[in-house]
Amino acid sequence: MSFQDELKQLSEKIKQYRDEARVQMHLAREDVKDEWDDLEKDWERFRNKLDGVLHDSEDATKEARQTAQKLGEDLKSGYQNIRSRLK
């Protein structure tokens, strides 16, 4: 096999890998977008729950405080996961 043939073969292999990577990147972005959209809905629930707990902090039940705390921790983890995947 000539040097030119080897370079052509290498070029084709690189093109194949590049095309595969492009598809994977597109799918990853869609996956991350779906995850982001879900987190945004949870963010609104968290803000509403947090506002209620802060407004009625003296009267808020232990369960309400724990629910807000758990939802906040889950959101934090979710957003950290997205950040890590986008790096």
Protein backbone atom coordinates (compact mmCIF):
# COMPACT_ATOMS: atom_id res chain seq x y z
CA MET A 1 0.00 0.00 0.00
CA SER A 2 1.39 3.36 -0.95
CA PHE A 3 1.84 6.26 1.42
CA GLN A 4 -0.97 8.12 -0.35
CA ASP A 5 -3.30 5.14 0.07
CA GLU A 6 -2.43 4.97 3.76
CA LEU A 7 -3.20 8.69 4.15
CA LYS A 8 -6.49 8.29 2.29
CA GLN A 9 -7.40 5.35 4.51
CA LEU A 10 -6.47 7.36 7.61
CA SER A 11 -8.51 10.29 6.33
CA GLU A 12 -11.55 8.06 5.83
CA LYS A 13 -11.18 6.60 9.32
CA ILE A 14 -10.90 10.09 10.81
CA LYS A 15 -13.98 11.19 8.86
CA GLN A 16 -15.91 8.19 10.18
CA TYR A 17 -14.90 8.93 13.78
CA ARG A 18 -15.72 12.60 13.30
CA ASP A 19 -19.18 11.82 11.92
CA GLU A 20 -19.87 9.41 14.79
CA ALA A 21 -18.70 11.98 17.34
CA ARG A 22 -20.92 14.66 15.77
CA VAL A 23 -23.98 12.42 16.13
CA GLN A 24 -23.09 11.57 19.72
CA MET A 25 -22.60 15.25 20.57
CA HIS A 26 -25.98 16.14 19.06
CA LEU A 27 -27.68 13.38 21.04
CA ALA A 28 -25.89 14.42 24.21
CA ARG A 29 -27.06 18.01 23.79
CA GLU A 30 -30.65 16.86 23.36
CA ASP A 31 -30.33 14.63 26.40
CA VAL A 32 -28.90 17.49 28.46
CA LYS A 33 -31.64 19.84 27.23
CA ASP A 34 -34.34 17.41 28.33
CA GLU A 35 -32.68 17.08 31.71
CA TRP A 36 -32.42 20.89 31.96
CA ASP A 37 -36.12 21.30 31.19
CA ASP A 38 -37.03 18.81 33.91
CA LEU A 39 -34.78 20.59 36.40
CA GLU A 40 -36.34 23.94 35.55
CA LYS A 41 -39.78 22.56 36.47
CA ASP A 42 -38.33 21.25 39.73
CA TRP A 43 -36.68 24.65 40.32
CA GLU A 44 -40.10 26.33 40.18
CA ARG A 45 -41.53 23.77 42.63
CA PHE A 46 -38.54 24.33 44.91
CA ARG A 47 -38.90 28.13 44.81
CA ASN A 48 -42.61 27.88 45.64
CA LYS A 49 -41.94 25.45 48.47
CA LEU A 50 -39.06 27.55 49.77
CA ASP A 51 -41.13 30.74 49.65
CA GLY A 52 -43.83 29.03 51.70
CA VAL A 53 -41.36 27.69 54.24
CA LEU A 54 -39.57 31.03 54.58
CA HIS A 55 -42.82 32.97 54.81
CA ASP A 56 -44.26 30.68 57.46
CA SER A 57 -40.95 29.62 58.97
CA GLU A 58 -42.32 29.48 62.50
CA ASP A 59 -45.39 27.52 61.44
CA ALA A 60 -43.77 25.36 58.75
CA THR A 61 -43.87 21.73 59.62
CA LYS A 62 -40.72 19.70 59.95
CA GLU A 63 -41.91 17.69 56.96
CA ALA A 64 -42.25 20.83 54.80
CA ARG A 65 -38.74 21.96 55.74
CA GLN A 66 -37.32 18.51 55.02
CA THR A 67 -39.14 18.37 51.67
CA ALA A 68 -37.71 21.75 50.65
CA GLN A 69 -34.23 20.67 51.78
CA LYS A 70 -34.40 17.38 49.85
CA LEU A 71 -35.71 19.05 46.70
CA GLY A 72 -32.94 21.65 46.95
CA GLU A 73 -30.24 18.99 47.30
CA ASP A 74 -31.66 17.06 44.35
CA LEU A 75 -31.65 20.22 42.22
CA LYS A 76 -28.10 21.02 43.22
CA SER A 77 -26.97 17.54 42.19
CA GLY A 78 -28.89 17.75 38.93
CA TYR A 79 -27.37 21.08 37.93
CA GLN A 80 -23.89 19.86 38.94
CA ASN A 81 -24.42 16.80 36.74
CA ILE A 82 -25.32 18.97 33.77
CA ARG A 83 -22.29 21.19 34.33
CA SER A 84 -20.01 18.16 34.45
CA ARG A 85 -21.46 16.70 31.27
CA LEU A 86 -21.02 19.96 29.37
CA LYS A 87 -17.33 20.34 30.23
